[in-house]
Amino acid sequence: QVQLVESGGGLVQPGGSLRLSCTTSGSIYSFDRMAWYRQAPGKQRKLVATLSNGGTTNYADSVKGRFTISRDNAKNTVYLQMNSLKPEDTADYYCNALTVFPSHDYWGQGTRVTVSS
């Protein structure tokens, strides 16, 4: 079975940086799209960044220019580099892997990011 494991969350001051990792049980190229979502307390889970198996990236407007999604295929790992962090970035961050045909949707257990002074 597919497993996604996130790591790298923690407490950071505003303006600081953090890098999240998502390690998969298989090749990242077996998925059509990798993504990071986040869910702030009391709010809905929202899409943060996507990375297709062809290398195309997309970002939510709230993080564009500050966050970068990338991959290391040799390590079966997707990263989310977060710079210039703001208190509004505080959330649980989840790794997501999607296949279109057949249709499957996989989730990691989440890692918590807290931005506070």
Protein backbone atom coordinates (compact mmCIF):
# COMPACT_ATOMS: atom_id res chain seq x y z
CA GLN A 1 0.00 0.00 0.00
CA VAL A 2 1.08 3.57 -0.67
CA GLN A 3 2.43 5.45 2.33
CA LEU A 4 3.27 9.15 2.62
CA VAL A 5 5.19 10.42 5.64
CA GLU A 6 5.67 14.13 6.35
CA SER A 7 8.35 15.64 8.56
CA GLY A 8 10.05 18.96 9.25
CA GLY A 9 7.33 20.89 11.03
CA GLY A 10 7.94 22.91 14.16
CA LEU A 11 7.95 26.34 15.76
CA VAL A 12 9.52 29.23 13.87
CA GLN A 13 9.51 33.01 14.29
CA PRO A 14 7.89 35.32 11.72
CA GLY A 15 10.27 35.88 8.83
CA GLY A 16 11.96 32.55 9.39
CA SER A 17 12.23 29.51 7.14
CA LEU A 18 11.29 25.86 7.33
CA ARG A 19 11.53 22.91 4.95
CA LEU A 20 8.94 20.16 5.01
CA SER A 21 9.60 16.70 3.58
CA CYS A 22 7.23 14.06 2.25
CA THR A 23 8.71 10.62 1.70
CA THR A 24 6.71 8.15 -0.38
CA SER A 25 6.78 4.36 -0.40
CA GLY A 26 7.44 4.30 -4.14
CA SER A 27 8.58 6.38 -7.08
CA ILE A 28 7.10 9.87 -7.23
CA TYR A 29 6.67 9.33 -10.99
CA SER A 30 3.99 6.73 -10.23
CA PHE A 31 1.74 9.68 -9.29
CA ASP A 32 0.29 12.25 -11.67
CA ARG A 33 0.56 15.05 -9.13
CA MET A 34 2.12 15.69 -5.74
CA ALA A 35 0.77 18.47 -3.57
CA TRP A 36 0.92 20.15 -0.21
CA TYR A 37 -2.23 21.21 1.63
CA ARG A 38 -2.63 22.98 4.93
CA GLN A 39 -5.39 23.26 7.49
CA ALA A 40 -5.45 26.02 10.08
CA PRO A 41 -7.36 25.49 13.33
CA GLY A 42 -11.10 25.69 12.73
CA LYS A 43 -10.70 26.14 8.97
CA GLN A 44 -10.99 23.99 5.86
CA ARG A 45 -8.04 22.22 4.31
CA LYS A 46 -6.65 24.31 1.46
CA LEU A 47 -4.28 23.65 -1.41
CA VAL A 48 -0.84 25.25 -1.01
CA ALA A 49 1.31 23.95 -3.86
CA THR A 50 1.27 21.31 -6.60
CA LEU A 51 3.94 19.54 -8.64
CA SER A 52 3.09 17.40 -11.66
CA ASN A 53 5.23 14.46 -12.69
CA GLY A 54 6.28 16.62 -15.65
CA GLY A 55 7.66 19.30 -13.34
CA THR A 56 4.88 21.90 -13.57
CA THR A 57 4.27 23.80 -10.33
CA ASN A 58 1.36 25.85 -9.01
CA TYR A 59 0.99 27.86 -5.83
CA ALA A 60 -1.76 29.47 -3.84
CA ASP A 61 -1.65 33.25 -4.12
CA SER A 62 -1.03 33.52 -0.39
CA VAL A 63 2.31 31.68 -0.63
CA LYS A 64 3.52 32.53 -4.13
CA GLY A 65 7.04 33.92 -4.03
CA ARG A 66 7.66 32.56 -0.54
CA PHE A 67 7.12 28.79 -0.86
CA THR A 68 8.73 26.36 -3.29
CA ILE A 69 7.70 22.77 -3.99
CA SER A 70 10.38 20.45 -5.32
CA ARG A 71 11.30 16.78 -5.51
CA ASP A 72 14.24 14.42 -5.22
CA ASN A 73 13.24 11.38 -7.22
CA ALA A 74 16.23 9.33 -6.04
CA LYS A 75 15.01 9.76 -2.47
CA ASN A 76 11.29 9.40 -3.29
CA THR A 77 10.79 12.71 -1.51
CA VAL A 78 8.85 15.91 -2.14
CA TYR A 79 9.80 19.10 -0.31
CA LEU A 80 8.08 22.33 0.59
CA GLN A 81 10.58 25.11 1.25
CA MET A 82 8.86 27.87 3.22
CA ASN A 83 10.53 31.28 3.51
CA SER A 84 9.43 34.59 4.99
CA LEU A 85 6.95 32.79 7.17
CA LYS A 86 3.99 34.66 8.59
CA PRO A 87 1.71 33.87 11.55
CA GLU A 88 -1.08 33.17 9.04
CA ASP A 89 0.99 30.24 7.73
CA THR A 90 0.37 28.43 11.01
CA ALA A 91 -1.39 25.16 10.17
CA ASP A 92 -1.11 21.42 9.89
CA TYR A 93 0.55 20.64 6.56
CA TYR A 94 -0.36 17.51 4.60
CA CYS A 95 1.32 15.76 1.71
CA ASN A 96 -1.00 14.52 -1.05
CA ALA A 97 -0.39 12.18 -3.98
CA LEU A 98 -2.87 11.86 -6.84
CA THR A 99 -3.31 9.43 -9.70
CA VAL A 100 -5.90 10.07 -12.40
CA PHE A 101 -6.13 6.68 -14.09
CA PRO A 102 -7.00 4.74 -12.10
CA SER A 103 -8.28 7.38 -9.72
CA HIS A 104 -6.56 7.37 -6.32
CA ASP A 105 -5.89 9.97 -3.66
CA TYR A 106 -3.33 9.43 -0.89
CA TRP A 107 -2.59 11.49 2.23
CA GLY A 108 0.12 11.70 4.82
CA GLN A 109 -0.57 12.08 8.53
CA GLY A 110 0.38 15.76 8.63
CA THR A 111 3.07 17.85 10.30
CA ARG A 112 2.41 20.95 12.37
CA VAL A 113 3.89 24.35 11.56
CA THR A 114 3.58 27.16 14.09
CA VAL A 115 4.77 30.68 13.23
CA SER A 116 4.88 32.85 16.33
CA SER A 117 7.13 35.26 18.17
